[in-house]
Protein backbone atom coordinates (compact mmCIF):
# COMPACT_ATOMS: atom_id res chain seq x y z
CA MET A 1 -15.15 2.25 -7.95
CA LEU A 2 -12.32 0.89 -10.03
CA SER A 3 -12.44 -3.21 -9.84
CA MET A 4 -9.31 -3.72 -7.70
CA GLU A 5 -9.03 -7.30 -9.50
CA ARG A 6 -7.77 -5.36 -12.36
CA ILE A 7 -4.69 -4.26 -11.07
CA PRO A 8 -1.61 -6.13 -12.87
CA ASP A 9 0.12 -7.96 -10.60
CA GLN A 10 -1.81 -7.93 -7.63
CA VAL A 11 -2.42 -10.84 -5.47
CA GLY A 12 -4.74 -9.29 -2.83
CA TYR A 13 -6.45 -5.94 -1.99
CA LEU A 14 -8.46 -4.25 0.96
CA VAL A 15 -10.33 -1.17 1.08
CA LEU A 16 -10.92 0.23 4.47
CA THR A 17 -12.77 3.07 6.28
CA GLU A 18 -10.60 5.67 7.91
CA ASP A 19 -10.91 3.83 11.16
CA GLY A 20 -9.67 0.76 9.73
CA ALA A 21 -13.12 -1.26 9.04
CA VAL A 22 -12.58 -3.72 6.14
CA LEU A 23 -15.43 -2.69 3.28
CA ALA A 24 -14.00 -4.74 0.63
CA SER A 25 -10.85 -7.17 0.65
CA GLY A 26 -9.99 -10.28 -1.92
CA GLY A 27 -6.94 -12.48 -2.87
CA GLU A 28 -4.25 -13.19 -0.25
CA LEU A 29 -5.71 -10.10 1.75
CA GLU A 30 -9.39 -11.31 2.00
CA ASN A 31 -10.97 -10.49 5.43
CA ASP A 32 -7.31 -10.03 6.81
CA GLU A 33 -8.19 -8.03 9.95
CA ARG A 34 -4.68 -8.18 10.99
CA ILE A 35 -3.24 -6.54 7.93
CA ALA A 36 -6.15 -3.77 8.10
CA ASP A 37 -5.26 -3.07 11.81
CA ILE A 38 -1.48 -2.56 10.83
CA ILE A 39 -2.24 -0.69 7.88
CA ALA A 40 -4.79 1.84 9.82
CA GLY A 41 -2.49 2.13 12.45
CA LEU A 42 0.37 3.24 10.10
CA VAL A 43 -1.78 5.86 8.21
CA THR A 44 -2.92 7.26 11.51
CA SER A 45 0.91 7.35 12.67
CA ILE A 46 1.68 9.23 9.58
CA ASP A 47 -0.23 12.35 10.87
CA LYS A 48 1.93 12.33 14.12
CA ILE A 49 5.16 12.53 12.08
CA ASP A 50 6.99 15.63 12.44
CA PRO A 51 4.96 18.54 11.18
CA GLU A 52 7.59 20.67 10.13
CA ALA A 53 8.94 17.82 7.67
CA PHE A 54 5.39 16.60 6.87
CA PRO A 55 3.05 19.59 6.92
CA SER A 56 -0.49 18.18 7.59
CA ASP A 57 -1.77 20.31 4.54
CA GLU A 58 0.62 18.40 2.25
CA GLY A 59 -0.63 14.80 3.02
CA PHE A 60 0.84 11.70 1.32
CA ASP A 61 -0.27 10.29 -2.19
CA LYS A 62 1.04 6.80 -1.56
CA ILE A 63 2.77 4.81 0.67
CA SER A 64 4.65 1.76 -0.50
CA ILE A 65 6.17 -0.85 1.57
CA THR A 66 8.55 -3.34 -0.16
CA TYR A 67 9.80 -6.84 0.22
CA PRO A 68 11.93 -8.81 -2.01
CA ASP A 69 8.89 -11.04 -3.46
CA HIS A 70 6.13 -8.51 -2.88
CA CYS A 71 4.97 -5.06 -1.77
CA TYR A 72 1.92 -3.12 -0.41
CA VAL A 73 0.79 0.10 -1.94
CA ILE A 74 -1.33 2.43 0.22
CA CYS A 75 -3.38 5.18 -1.05
CA LEU A 76 -6.10 7.33 0.54
CA SER A 77 -9.02 8.34 -1.63
CA ASN A 78 -12.63 9.57 -1.17
CA LYS A 79 -12.37 9.17 2.60
CA ARG A 80 -10.95 5.21 1.93
CA ILE A 81 -7.83 3.65 2.62
CA HIS A 82 -6.91 1.20 -0.46
CA VAL A 83 -4.20 -1.39 0.04
CA VAL A 84 -2.83 -3.50 -2.96
CA LYS A 85 -0.38 -6.36 -2.31
CA LYS A 86 1.46 -6.92 -5.46
CA LYS A 87 4.17 -9.41 -6.47
CA MET A 88 7.36 -8.14 -7.65
CA ILE A 89 8.63 -9.25 -10.70
CA ALA A 90 12.33 -10.31 -10.65
CA GLN A 91 14.39 -8.23 -13.05
CA SER A 92 17.71 -10.15 -14.18
CA VAL A 93 20.59 -7.65 -13.89
CA HIS A 94 24.25 -8.13 -14.80
CA PRO A 95 26.40 -7.98 -11.57
CA ASN A 96 28.12 -4.63 -12.56
CA GLU A 97 25.01 -2.85 -13.31
CA GLU A 98 23.38 -0.89 -10.65
CA GLN A 99 20.05 -2.43 -9.47
CA PRO A 100 16.94 -0.15 -10.63
CA LEU A 101 14.68 1.35 -8.18
CA VAL A 102 11.36 -0.43 -8.50
CA GLU A 103 8.40 2.31 -8.96
CA ILE A 104 5.06 1.46 -8.56
């Protein structure tokens, strides 16, 4: 398994089973059952979203939940839910320039 501690700018991580049990954790998310329950509920509810808009055979690759100072990146791999909390790097932008989108 990839060492989650090696992900740049990460401040915490969780590895969950499909039903939300914590297999591994670290940093700010260490043993955070509350966040694990929220993430597992989010992943479960995605399957119930409009099947015409999101066919079940297409599944998602990544979910990003973005806040001004941090974000959560959620991926499914090998029947595990991988969650990384990353700090957002502030970029100075000229007031007349459009703010670029943050891609993680």
